[in-house]
N, C-alpha and C. Protein backbone atom coordinates (compact mmCIF):
# COMPACT_ATOMS: atom_id res chain seq x y z
N ILE A 1 -1.26 -4.80 -25.52
CA ILE A 1 -1.21 -6.09 -24.84
C ILE A 1 -2.55 -6.39 -24.21
N VAL A 2 -3.10 -5.39 -23.52
CA VAL A 2 -4.38 -5.59 -22.85
C VAL A 2 -5.48 -5.86 -23.88
N GLN A 3 -5.44 -5.12 -24.98
CA GLN A 3 -6.44 -5.33 -26.04
C GLN A 3 -6.30 -6.72 -26.66
N ALA A 4 -5.07 -7.18 -26.83
CA ALA A 4 -4.85 -8.52 -27.38
C ALA A 4 -5.40 -9.58 -26.43
N PHE A 5 -5.16 -9.39 -25.14
CA PHE A 5 -5.70 -10.33 -24.15
C PHE A 5 -7.22 -10.33 -24.19
N GLU A 6 -7.79 -9.14 -24.28
CA GLU A 6 -9.25 -9.02 -24.32
C GLU A 6 -9.82 -9.75 -25.53
N ALA A 7 -9.13 -9.69 -26.67
CA ALA A 7 -9.58 -10.38 -27.87
C ALA A 7 -9.53 -11.90 -27.71
N LEU A 8 -8.63 -12.38 -26.88
CA LEU A 8 -8.51 -13.82 -26.66
C LEU A 8 -9.57 -14.39 -25.71
N VAL A 9 -10.11 -13.54 -24.86
CA VAL A 9 -11.05 -14.01 -23.83
C VAL A 9 -12.20 -14.84 -24.40
N PRO A 10 -12.91 -14.39 -25.44
CA PRO A 10 -14.07 -15.16 -25.92
C PRO A 10 -13.73 -16.55 -26.47
N ILE A 11 -12.51 -16.72 -26.94
CA ILE A 11 -12.15 -18.02 -27.55
C ILE A 11 -11.25 -18.87 -26.65
N TRP A 12 -10.88 -18.33 -25.51
CA TRP A 12 -9.91 -19.02 -24.68
C TRP A 12 -10.36 -20.41 -24.24
N ASP A 13 -11.61 -20.56 -23.87
CA ASP A 13 -12.10 -21.86 -23.42
C ASP A 13 -12.00 -22.92 -24.51
N LEU A 14 -12.05 -22.51 -25.77
CA LEU A 14 -11.95 -23.45 -26.88
C LEU A 14 -10.54 -24.02 -27.05
N VAL A 15 -9.52 -23.22 -26.72
CA VAL A 15 -8.15 -23.67 -26.95
C VAL A 15 -7.40 -24.03 -25.67
N ALA A 16 -7.86 -23.51 -24.54
CA ALA A 16 -7.17 -23.76 -23.28
C ALA A 16 -7.14 -25.25 -22.97
N GLY A 17 -5.97 -25.72 -22.68
CA GLY A 17 -5.80 -27.12 -22.31
C GLY A 17 -5.71 -28.08 -23.47
N GLN A 18 -6.06 -27.65 -24.69
CA GLN A 18 -6.02 -28.55 -25.84
C GLN A 18 -4.77 -28.35 -26.70
N GLU A 19 -4.24 -27.18 -26.68
CA GLU A 19 -3.05 -26.86 -27.47
C GLU A 19 -1.89 -26.59 -26.51
N GLU A 20 -1.15 -27.62 -26.17
CA GLU A 20 -0.07 -27.50 -25.19
C GLU A 20 0.99 -26.48 -25.63
N ALA A 21 1.35 -26.48 -26.89
CA ALA A 21 2.37 -25.54 -27.38
C ALA A 21 1.88 -24.10 -27.23
N LEU A 22 0.61 -23.85 -27.47
CA LEU A 22 0.04 -22.53 -27.31
C LEU A 22 0.07 -22.11 -25.84
N MET A 23 -0.24 -23.01 -24.95
CA MET A 23 -0.24 -22.71 -23.52
C MET A 23 1.17 -22.35 -23.05
N VAL A 24 2.15 -23.11 -23.50
CA VAL A 24 3.54 -22.84 -23.13
C VAL A 24 3.98 -21.48 -23.66
N ARG A 25 3.67 -21.21 -24.92
CA ARG A 25 4.05 -19.93 -25.54
C ARG A 25 3.34 -18.76 -24.85
N PHE A 26 2.08 -18.95 -24.53
CA PHE A 26 1.32 -17.89 -23.83
C PHE A 26 1.93 -17.62 -22.46
N SER A 27 2.27 -18.67 -21.75
CA SER A 27 2.87 -18.53 -20.43
C SER A 27 4.21 -17.80 -20.52
N GLU A 28 5.02 -18.16 -21.51
CA GLU A 28 6.31 -17.49 -21.71
C GLU A 28 6.13 -16.01 -22.05
N THR A 29 5.14 -15.73 -22.87
CA THR A 29 4.85 -14.34 -23.25
C THR A 29 4.44 -13.53 -22.02
N CYS A 30 3.56 -14.10 -21.22
CA CYS A 30 3.11 -13.40 -20.00
C CYS A 30 4.28 -13.14 -19.06
N THR A 31 5.13 -14.13 -18.90
CA THR A 31 6.31 -13.98 -18.04
C THR A 31 7.21 -12.86 -18.56
N SER A 32 7.39 -12.79 -19.88
CA SER A 32 8.22 -11.74 -20.48
C SER A 32 7.59 -10.36 -20.29
N VAL A 33 6.29 -10.26 -20.50
CA VAL A 33 5.59 -8.98 -20.34
C VAL A 33 5.71 -8.52 -18.89
N GLU A 34 5.49 -9.42 -17.95
CA GLU A 34 5.55 -9.06 -16.54
C GLU A 34 6.96 -8.63 -16.13
N ALA A 35 7.97 -9.31 -16.63
CA ALA A 35 9.36 -8.93 -16.33
C ALA A 35 9.67 -7.55 -16.92
N TRP A 36 9.16 -7.29 -18.11
CA TRP A 36 9.36 -5.99 -18.76
C TRP A 36 8.71 -4.88 -17.93
N VAL A 37 7.47 -5.09 -17.49
CA VAL A 37 6.77 -4.08 -16.70
C VAL A 37 7.46 -3.90 -15.34
N ASP A 38 7.89 -5.00 -14.72
CA ASP A 38 8.63 -4.90 -13.46
C ASP A 38 9.88 -4.04 -13.64
N GLY A 39 10.60 -4.27 -14.72
CA GLY A 39 11.82 -3.51 -15.00
C GLY A 39 11.52 -2.04 -15.26
N LEU A 40 10.46 -1.78 -16.02
CA LEU A 40 10.07 -0.39 -16.26
C LEU A 40 9.70 0.33 -14.96
N ALA A 41 8.97 -0.37 -14.11
CA ALA A 41 8.56 0.23 -12.84
C ALA A 41 9.78 0.54 -11.97
N ALA A 42 10.74 -0.36 -11.96
CA ALA A 42 11.95 -0.15 -11.17
C ALA A 42 12.73 1.05 -11.68
N ALA A 43 12.72 1.27 -12.99
CA ALA A 43 13.49 2.37 -13.59
C ALA A 43 12.69 3.68 -13.67
N SER A 44 11.40 3.62 -13.43
CA SER A 44 10.54 4.80 -13.58
C SER A 44 10.63 5.73 -12.39
N SER A 45 10.33 6.98 -12.66
CA SER A 45 10.23 7.96 -11.57
C SER A 45 8.89 7.75 -10.86
N SER A 46 8.75 8.39 -9.73
CA SER A 46 7.49 8.28 -9.00
C SER A 46 6.34 8.87 -9.82
N ALA A 47 6.64 9.85 -10.65
CA ALA A 47 5.59 10.47 -11.48
C ALA A 47 5.11 9.52 -12.58
N ASP A 48 5.97 8.64 -13.05
CA ASP A 48 5.63 7.77 -14.16
C ASP A 48 5.11 6.40 -13.75
N VAL A 49 5.37 5.98 -12.54
CA VAL A 49 5.02 4.62 -12.13
C VAL A 49 3.50 4.43 -12.02
N GLY A 50 2.76 5.51 -11.86
CA GLY A 50 1.30 5.41 -11.76
C GLY A 50 0.66 4.81 -13.00
N SER A 51 1.17 5.18 -14.18
CA SER A 51 0.61 4.62 -15.42
C SER A 51 0.91 3.13 -15.52
N LEU A 52 2.04 2.69 -15.01
CA LEU A 52 2.35 1.26 -15.01
C LEU A 52 1.45 0.51 -14.03
N LEU A 53 1.10 1.16 -12.95
CA LEU A 53 0.19 0.57 -11.98
C LEU A 53 -1.19 0.37 -12.61
N THR A 54 -1.65 1.36 -13.37
CA THR A 54 -2.92 1.25 -14.08
C THR A 54 -2.86 0.11 -15.10
N PHE A 55 -1.76 0.04 -15.84
CA PHE A 55 -1.58 -1.04 -16.80
C PHE A 55 -1.64 -2.40 -16.10
N ALA A 56 -0.95 -2.51 -14.96
CA ALA A 56 -0.91 -3.79 -14.24
C ALA A 56 -2.30 -4.22 -13.80
N GLU A 57 -3.12 -3.27 -13.37
CA GLU A 57 -4.50 -3.60 -12.98
C GLU A 57 -5.29 -4.14 -14.17
N GLU A 58 -5.17 -3.45 -15.31
CA GLU A 58 -5.86 -3.88 -16.54
C GLU A 58 -5.35 -5.25 -17.00
N TYR A 59 -4.05 -5.42 -16.95
CA TYR A 59 -3.42 -6.67 -17.34
C TYR A 59 -3.94 -7.82 -16.49
N ASP A 60 -3.93 -7.63 -15.17
CA ASP A 60 -4.39 -8.69 -14.26
C ASP A 60 -5.85 -9.05 -14.49
N GLU A 61 -6.65 -8.03 -14.76
CA GLU A 61 -8.08 -8.27 -15.00
C GLU A 61 -8.26 -9.21 -16.20
N ARG A 62 -7.53 -8.95 -17.27
CA ARG A 62 -7.63 -9.80 -18.47
C ARG A 62 -6.94 -11.14 -18.26
N ARG A 63 -5.79 -11.10 -17.59
CA ARG A 63 -5.00 -12.32 -17.42
C ARG A 63 -5.76 -13.37 -16.63
N THR A 64 -6.54 -12.97 -15.65
CA THR A 64 -7.29 -13.95 -14.85
C THR A 64 -8.36 -14.66 -15.69
N LYS A 65 -8.79 -14.02 -16.77
CA LYS A 65 -9.78 -14.64 -17.65
C LYS A 65 -9.13 -15.63 -18.61
N LEU A 66 -7.81 -15.59 -18.71
CA LEU A 66 -7.06 -16.44 -19.64
C LEU A 66 -6.31 -17.51 -18.86
N SER A 67 -7.06 -18.37 -18.23
CA SER A 67 -6.47 -19.41 -17.41
C SER A 67 -7.22 -20.71 -17.66
N PRO A 68 -6.56 -21.84 -17.85
CA PRO A 68 -5.14 -22.06 -17.66
C PRO A 68 -4.33 -21.47 -18.81
N PRO A 69 -3.04 -21.33 -18.67
CA PRO A 69 -2.20 -21.62 -17.50
C PRO A 69 -2.30 -20.51 -16.46
N GLU A 70 -2.06 -20.90 -15.21
CA GLU A 70 -2.07 -19.94 -14.11
C GLU A 70 -0.83 -19.05 -14.21
N PRO A 71 -0.93 -17.80 -13.77
CA PRO A 71 0.26 -16.93 -13.77
C PRO A 71 1.35 -17.52 -12.88
N ALA A 72 2.57 -17.55 -13.39
CA ALA A 72 3.69 -18.16 -12.66
C ALA A 72 4.06 -17.37 -11.41
N SER A 73 3.94 -16.06 -11.46
CA SER A 73 4.38 -15.21 -10.35
C SER A 73 3.23 -14.51 -9.65
N GLY A 74 2.02 -14.98 -9.83
CA GLY A 74 0.88 -14.31 -9.23
C GLY A 74 0.51 -13.06 -10.00
N LYS A 75 -0.30 -12.23 -9.39
CA LYS A 75 -0.76 -11.00 -10.05
C LYS A 75 0.38 -9.99 -10.18
N LEU A 76 0.32 -9.21 -11.24
CA LEU A 76 1.31 -8.18 -11.51
C LEU A 76 1.08 -6.93 -10.68
N GLN A 77 -0.17 -6.53 -10.51
CA GLN A 77 -0.50 -5.28 -9.83
C GLN A 77 0.11 -5.15 -8.44
N PRO A 78 0.03 -6.16 -7.58
CA PRO A 78 0.63 -5.99 -6.25
C PRO A 78 2.15 -5.74 -6.29
N ARG A 79 2.83 -6.34 -7.26
CA ARG A 79 4.27 -6.13 -7.38
C ARG A 79 4.58 -4.70 -7.82
N ILE A 80 3.81 -4.20 -8.78
CA ILE A 80 4.03 -2.82 -9.25
C ILE A 80 3.59 -1.84 -8.16
N ALA A 81 2.52 -2.18 -7.45
CA ALA A 81 2.03 -1.32 -6.37
C ALA A 81 3.10 -1.15 -5.29
N LEU A 82 3.81 -2.21 -4.96
CA LEU A 82 4.89 -2.10 -3.97
C LEU A 82 5.97 -1.13 -4.44
N GLN A 83 6.33 -1.23 -5.71
CA GLN A 83 7.35 -0.33 -6.25
C GLN A 83 6.85 1.11 -6.26
N ALA A 84 5.58 1.30 -6.64
CA ALA A 84 5.01 2.64 -6.68
C ALA A 84 4.95 3.23 -5.26
N ALA A 85 4.46 2.45 -4.31
CA ALA A 85 4.38 2.92 -2.93
C ALA A 85 5.76 3.26 -2.39
N ASP A 86 6.74 2.45 -2.74
CA ASP A 86 8.11 2.70 -2.29
C ASP A 86 8.64 4.02 -2.85
N LYS A 87 8.42 4.26 -4.13
CA LYS A 87 8.92 5.49 -4.77
C LYS A 87 8.25 6.73 -4.15
N HIS A 88 6.94 6.66 -3.95
CA HIS A 88 6.23 7.81 -3.37
C HIS A 88 6.59 8.00 -1.90
N THR A 89 6.77 6.92 -1.17
CA THR A 89 7.17 7.02 0.23
C THR A 89 8.56 7.62 0.36
N THR A 90 9.43 7.29 -0.57
CA THR A 90 10.77 7.88 -0.59
C THR A 90 10.67 9.40 -0.77
N LEU A 91 9.74 9.86 -1.62
CA LEU A 91 9.53 11.31 -1.77
C LEU A 91 9.03 11.94 -0.48
N VAL A 92 8.11 11.26 0.21
CA VAL A 92 7.60 11.75 1.49
C VAL A 92 8.76 11.91 2.47
N GLU A 93 9.58 10.87 2.57
CA GLU A 93 10.70 10.89 3.51
C GLU A 93 11.71 11.97 3.15
N ALA A 94 11.95 12.18 1.86
CA ALA A 94 12.89 13.22 1.43
C ALA A 94 12.36 14.60 1.80
N GLU A 95 11.07 14.80 1.63
CA GLU A 95 10.48 16.10 1.97
C GLU A 95 10.55 16.32 3.48
N LEU A 96 10.28 15.29 4.25
CA LEU A 96 10.35 15.41 5.72
C LEU A 96 11.77 15.58 6.22
N ALA A 97 12.75 15.14 5.44
CA ALA A 97 14.15 15.26 5.85
C ALA A 97 14.67 16.70 5.74
N LYS A 98 13.93 17.54 5.02
CA LYS A 98 14.35 18.94 4.88
C LYS A 98 14.19 19.66 6.21
N VAL A 99 15.25 20.34 6.61
CA VAL A 99 15.20 21.12 7.84
C VAL A 99 14.36 22.37 7.61
N ASP A 100 14.60 23.02 6.49
CA ASP A 100 13.85 24.21 6.11
C ASP A 100 13.29 24.01 4.71
N GLY A 101 12.23 24.70 4.43
CA GLY A 101 11.70 24.69 3.07
C GLY A 101 10.84 23.49 2.71
N LEU A 102 10.29 22.82 3.70
CA LEU A 102 9.37 21.72 3.42
C LEU A 102 8.21 22.25 2.58
N ASN A 103 7.91 21.54 1.51
CA ASN A 103 6.80 21.92 0.63
C ASN A 103 5.58 21.09 1.04
N PRO A 104 4.61 21.69 1.71
CA PRO A 104 3.47 20.92 2.21
C PRO A 104 2.62 20.31 1.09
N ILE A 105 2.52 20.99 -0.04
CA ILE A 105 1.74 20.45 -1.16
C ILE A 105 2.43 19.22 -1.73
N LYS A 106 3.73 19.31 -1.92
CA LYS A 106 4.50 18.17 -2.42
C LYS A 106 4.43 17.00 -1.45
N LEU A 107 4.54 17.30 -0.15
CA LEU A 107 4.45 16.27 0.87
C LEU A 107 3.09 15.58 0.83
N LEU A 108 2.03 16.37 0.79
CA LEU A 108 0.68 15.81 0.79
C LEU A 108 0.43 15.00 -0.48
N ASP A 109 0.85 15.52 -1.64
CA ASP A 109 0.66 14.80 -2.90
C ASP A 109 1.42 13.47 -2.91
N ALA A 110 2.65 13.49 -2.42
CA ALA A 110 3.45 12.26 -2.37
C ALA A 110 2.83 11.26 -1.40
N PHE A 111 2.35 11.76 -0.27
CA PHE A 111 1.71 10.87 0.68
C PHE A 111 0.45 10.23 0.09
N LYS A 112 -0.38 11.05 -0.56
CA LYS A 112 -1.61 10.52 -1.17
C LYS A 112 -1.28 9.46 -2.22
N ALA A 113 -0.27 9.73 -3.03
CA ALA A 113 0.12 8.78 -4.08
C ALA A 113 0.65 7.48 -3.47
N ALA A 114 1.44 7.60 -2.42
CA ALA A 114 1.96 6.40 -1.74
C ALA A 114 0.83 5.59 -1.14
N ALA A 115 -0.08 6.27 -0.47
CA ALA A 115 -1.20 5.59 0.16
C ALA A 115 -2.11 4.92 -0.87
N ALA A 116 -2.33 5.59 -1.99
CA ALA A 116 -3.18 5.02 -3.04
C ALA A 116 -2.54 3.78 -3.67
N ALA A 117 -1.23 3.78 -3.78
CA ALA A 117 -0.53 2.65 -4.41
C ALA A 117 -0.32 1.49 -3.45
N LEU A 118 -0.35 1.77 -2.17
CA LEU A 118 -0.03 0.77 -1.16
C LEU A 118 -0.90 -0.48 -1.30
N PRO A 119 -0.27 -1.64 -1.47
CA PRO A 119 -1.05 -2.87 -1.55
C PRO A 119 -1.77 -3.14 -0.23
N ARG A 120 -2.98 -3.62 -0.32
CA ARG A 120 -3.78 -3.89 0.89
C ARG A 120 -3.39 -5.22 1.54
N GLU A 121 -2.74 -6.09 0.77
CA GLU A 121 -2.36 -7.37 1.36
C GLU A 121 -1.06 -7.22 2.15
N SER A 122 -0.64 -8.29 2.74
CA SER A 122 0.49 -8.27 3.66
C SER A 122 1.80 -7.86 3.00
N SER A 123 1.88 -7.89 1.68
CA SER A 123 3.14 -7.54 1.01
C SER A 123 3.53 -6.09 1.22
N GLY A 124 2.61 -5.24 1.65
CA GLY A 124 2.91 -3.83 1.83
C GLY A 124 3.24 -3.44 3.26
N VAL A 125 3.61 -4.40 4.10
CA VAL A 125 3.84 -4.13 5.52
C VAL A 125 4.96 -3.11 5.72
N ALA A 126 6.07 -3.25 5.02
CA ALA A 126 7.20 -2.33 5.19
C ALA A 126 6.82 -0.91 4.76
N GLN A 127 6.13 -0.78 3.62
CA GLN A 127 5.72 0.54 3.16
C GLN A 127 4.70 1.15 4.11
N ARG A 128 3.81 0.33 4.62
CA ARG A 128 2.79 0.81 5.57
C ARG A 128 3.49 1.35 6.83
N ALA A 129 4.51 0.65 7.29
CA ALA A 129 5.25 1.10 8.47
C ALA A 129 5.98 2.41 8.18
N ARG A 130 6.55 2.53 6.98
CA ARG A 130 7.23 3.77 6.61
C ARG A 130 6.25 4.95 6.56
N LEU A 131 5.05 4.72 6.02
CA LEU A 131 4.06 5.80 5.96
C LEU A 131 3.56 6.17 7.35
N THR A 132 3.41 5.19 8.20
CA THR A 132 2.99 5.46 9.57
C THR A 132 4.05 6.28 10.30
N SER A 133 5.31 5.95 10.06
CA SER A 133 6.40 6.72 10.63
C SER A 133 6.40 8.15 10.09
N ALA A 134 6.14 8.29 8.80
CA ALA A 134 6.05 9.62 8.19
C ALA A 134 4.91 10.43 8.80
N MET A 135 3.81 9.77 9.12
CA MET A 135 2.69 10.44 9.77
C MET A 135 3.12 10.99 11.12
N ALA A 136 3.86 10.19 11.87
CA ALA A 136 4.33 10.63 13.18
C ALA A 136 5.27 11.83 13.05
N LYS A 137 6.18 11.77 12.09
CA LYS A 137 7.10 12.89 11.89
C LYS A 137 6.35 14.14 11.44
N THR A 138 5.38 13.96 10.57
CA THR A 138 4.59 15.10 10.11
C THR A 138 3.83 15.73 11.27
N THR A 139 3.27 14.89 12.11
CA THR A 139 2.53 15.38 13.28
C THR A 139 3.45 16.20 14.18
N GLU A 140 4.64 15.68 14.43
CA GLU A 140 5.60 16.41 15.28
C GLU A 140 5.93 17.77 14.67
N ARG A 141 6.22 17.79 13.37
CA ARG A 141 6.59 19.06 12.72
C ARG A 141 5.42 20.03 12.70
N MET A 142 4.23 19.52 12.44
CA MET A 142 3.05 20.38 12.41
C MET A 142 2.80 21.01 13.78
N LEU A 143 2.88 20.22 14.82
CA LEU A 143 2.65 20.74 16.17
C LEU A 143 3.69 21.80 16.53
N LYS A 144 4.94 21.52 16.18
CA LYS A 144 6.00 22.49 16.45
C LYS A 144 5.74 23.80 15.69
N SER A 145 5.43 23.69 14.40
CA SER A 145 5.16 24.88 13.58
C SER A 145 3.93 25.63 14.10
N PHE A 146 2.93 24.89 14.53
CA PHE A 146 1.71 25.53 15.02
C PHE A 146 1.99 26.30 16.32
N ARG A 147 2.76 25.67 17.21
CA ARG A 147 3.13 26.36 18.46
C ARG A 147 3.91 27.64 18.16
N GLU A 148 4.86 27.54 17.22
CA GLU A 148 5.66 28.71 16.85
C GLU A 148 4.78 29.81 16.24
N ALA A 149 3.82 29.43 15.41
CA ALA A 149 2.92 30.41 14.79
C ALA A 149 2.06 31.10 15.84
N ILE A 150 1.58 30.33 16.80
CA ILE A 150 0.76 30.92 17.87
C ILE A 150 1.60 31.89 18.70
N THR A 151 2.80 31.45 19.06
CA THR A 151 3.68 32.29 19.86
C THR A 151 4.03 33.59 19.14
N ALA A 152 4.23 33.50 17.84
CA ALA A 152 4.60 34.67 17.05
C ALA A 152 3.39 35.48 16.59
N GLY A 153 2.19 34.99 16.87
CA GLY A 153 0.98 35.70 16.46
C GLY A 153 0.75 35.69 14.96
N GLN A 154 1.20 34.63 14.28
CA GLN A 154 1.06 34.52 12.82
C GLN A 154 -0.26 33.81 12.48
N VAL A 155 -1.32 34.59 12.41
CA VAL A 155 -2.66 34.05 12.21
C VAL A 155 -2.77 33.34 10.85
N ARG A 156 -2.22 33.93 9.81
CA ARG A 156 -2.30 33.30 8.48
C ARG A 156 -1.58 31.96 8.45
N LYS A 157 -0.44 31.91 9.11
CA LYS A 157 0.30 30.64 9.16
C LYS A 157 -0.51 29.61 9.95
N GLU A 158 -1.14 30.03 11.03
CA GLU A 158 -1.98 29.12 11.81
C GLU A 158 -3.10 28.54 10.93
N GLU A 159 -3.75 29.40 10.17
CA GLU A 159 -4.85 28.97 9.30
C GLU A 159 -4.35 28.01 8.23
N ALA A 160 -3.20 28.32 7.64
CA ALA A 160 -2.63 27.43 6.62
C ALA A 160 -2.26 26.07 7.21
N LEU A 161 -1.71 26.08 8.41
CA LEU A 161 -1.36 24.83 9.08
C LEU A 161 -2.60 24.00 9.41
N LEU A 162 -3.67 24.68 9.81
CA LEU A 162 -4.91 23.96 10.10
C LEU A 162 -5.51 23.34 8.84
N ARG A 163 -5.45 24.07 7.72
CA ARG A 163 -5.94 23.51 6.44
C ARG A 163 -5.11 22.28 6.05
N PHE A 164 -3.79 22.43 6.17
CA PHE A 164 -2.92 21.29 5.84
C PHE A 164 -3.23 20.10 6.74
N ALA A 165 -3.37 20.36 8.04
CA ALA A 165 -3.66 19.27 8.98
C ALA A 165 -4.96 18.56 8.62
N HIS A 166 -5.96 19.32 8.25
CA HIS A 166 -7.23 18.73 7.85
C HIS A 166 -7.06 17.85 6.62
N ASP A 167 -6.40 18.38 5.59
CA ASP A 167 -6.18 17.61 4.36
C ASP A 167 -5.34 16.38 4.61
N PHE A 168 -4.32 16.53 5.44
CA PHE A 168 -3.44 15.40 5.74
C PHE A 168 -4.18 14.31 6.50
N ASP A 169 -4.98 14.71 7.49
CA ASP A 169 -5.76 13.72 8.25
C ASP A 169 -6.72 12.96 7.33
N GLU A 170 -7.35 13.67 6.41
CA GLU A 170 -8.26 13.01 5.47
C GLU A 170 -7.52 12.01 4.59
N ALA A 171 -6.36 12.42 4.10
CA ALA A 171 -5.57 11.53 3.24
C ALA A 171 -5.11 10.31 4.01
N PHE A 172 -4.68 10.51 5.24
CA PHE A 172 -4.20 9.40 6.05
C PHE A 172 -5.33 8.43 6.36
N ALA A 173 -6.49 8.96 6.70
CA ALA A 173 -7.65 8.11 6.99
C ALA A 173 -8.09 7.35 5.74
N ALA A 174 -8.07 8.03 4.57
CA ALA A 174 -8.46 7.38 3.32
C ALA A 174 -7.51 6.24 2.96
N ALA A 175 -6.29 6.33 3.42
CA ALA A 175 -5.31 5.28 3.13
C ALA A 175 -5.57 4.03 3.97
N GLY A 176 -6.49 4.14 4.93
CA GLY A 176 -6.77 2.98 5.76
C GLY A 176 -5.70 2.73 6.81
N LEU A 177 -4.91 3.75 7.09
CA LEU A 177 -3.84 3.58 8.06
C LEU A 177 -4.26 4.04 9.44
N GLY A 178 -5.44 4.64 9.54
CA GLY A 178 -5.93 5.10 10.84
C GLY A 178 -5.23 6.37 11.26
N LEU A 179 -5.75 6.98 12.29
CA LEU A 179 -5.17 8.23 12.77
C LEU A 179 -4.42 8.06 14.08
N GLY A 180 -4.38 6.87 14.60
CA GLY A 180 -3.62 6.63 15.82
C GLY A 180 -4.32 7.19 17.05
N ALA A 181 -3.66 7.05 18.18
CA ALA A 181 -4.24 7.44 19.45
C ALA A 181 -4.45 8.94 19.56
N GLY A 182 -3.62 9.72 18.88
CA GLY A 182 -3.71 11.18 18.98
C GLY A 182 -4.83 11.77 18.15
N GLY A 183 -5.44 11.01 17.26
CA GLY A 183 -6.55 11.50 16.46
C GLY A 183 -6.14 12.27 15.23
N GLY A 184 -4.88 12.26 14.87
CA GLY A 184 -4.43 12.94 13.66
C GLY A 184 -3.64 14.17 13.96
N VAL A 185 -3.27 14.89 12.88
CA VAL A 185 -2.48 16.10 13.01
C VAL A 185 -3.40 17.17 13.51
């Protein structure tokens, strides 16, 4: 699809606006493709939605060059990004919901993926709030675990927690969500 759009770019100015039937058919095709990708993203796992996000970025890049007609529903990437951020944030929340056996690598990877997918525009407000809440919960758990490790004299656990805290703070800052008043984990 992206390659087909790219092939149309050089000739688009010649036909745009002159062939009404072509414009209608092109608009219908774009609407169908976008609905298909939206549906795939909704049905995809968090592991698979990243490739759809990449496709949506490529699609939008080409689609903006093929105007008129304007996209009926706006850009595709922000819609897929919301779904991707939601799926990854759900993984973060599921990992944090574990009383025992939290996997710090899985948590950090899911957080990074959610933050990377998070739309920068206002459409991502709910996901941004969920990630900020996850940061607060992670901070609480890390501090509790660190206190317990110090009390028990578990030096290796302390070191592992400090490495995790460093990586988590970097990921959170890279997401543009800030570290809050406490300065991070």
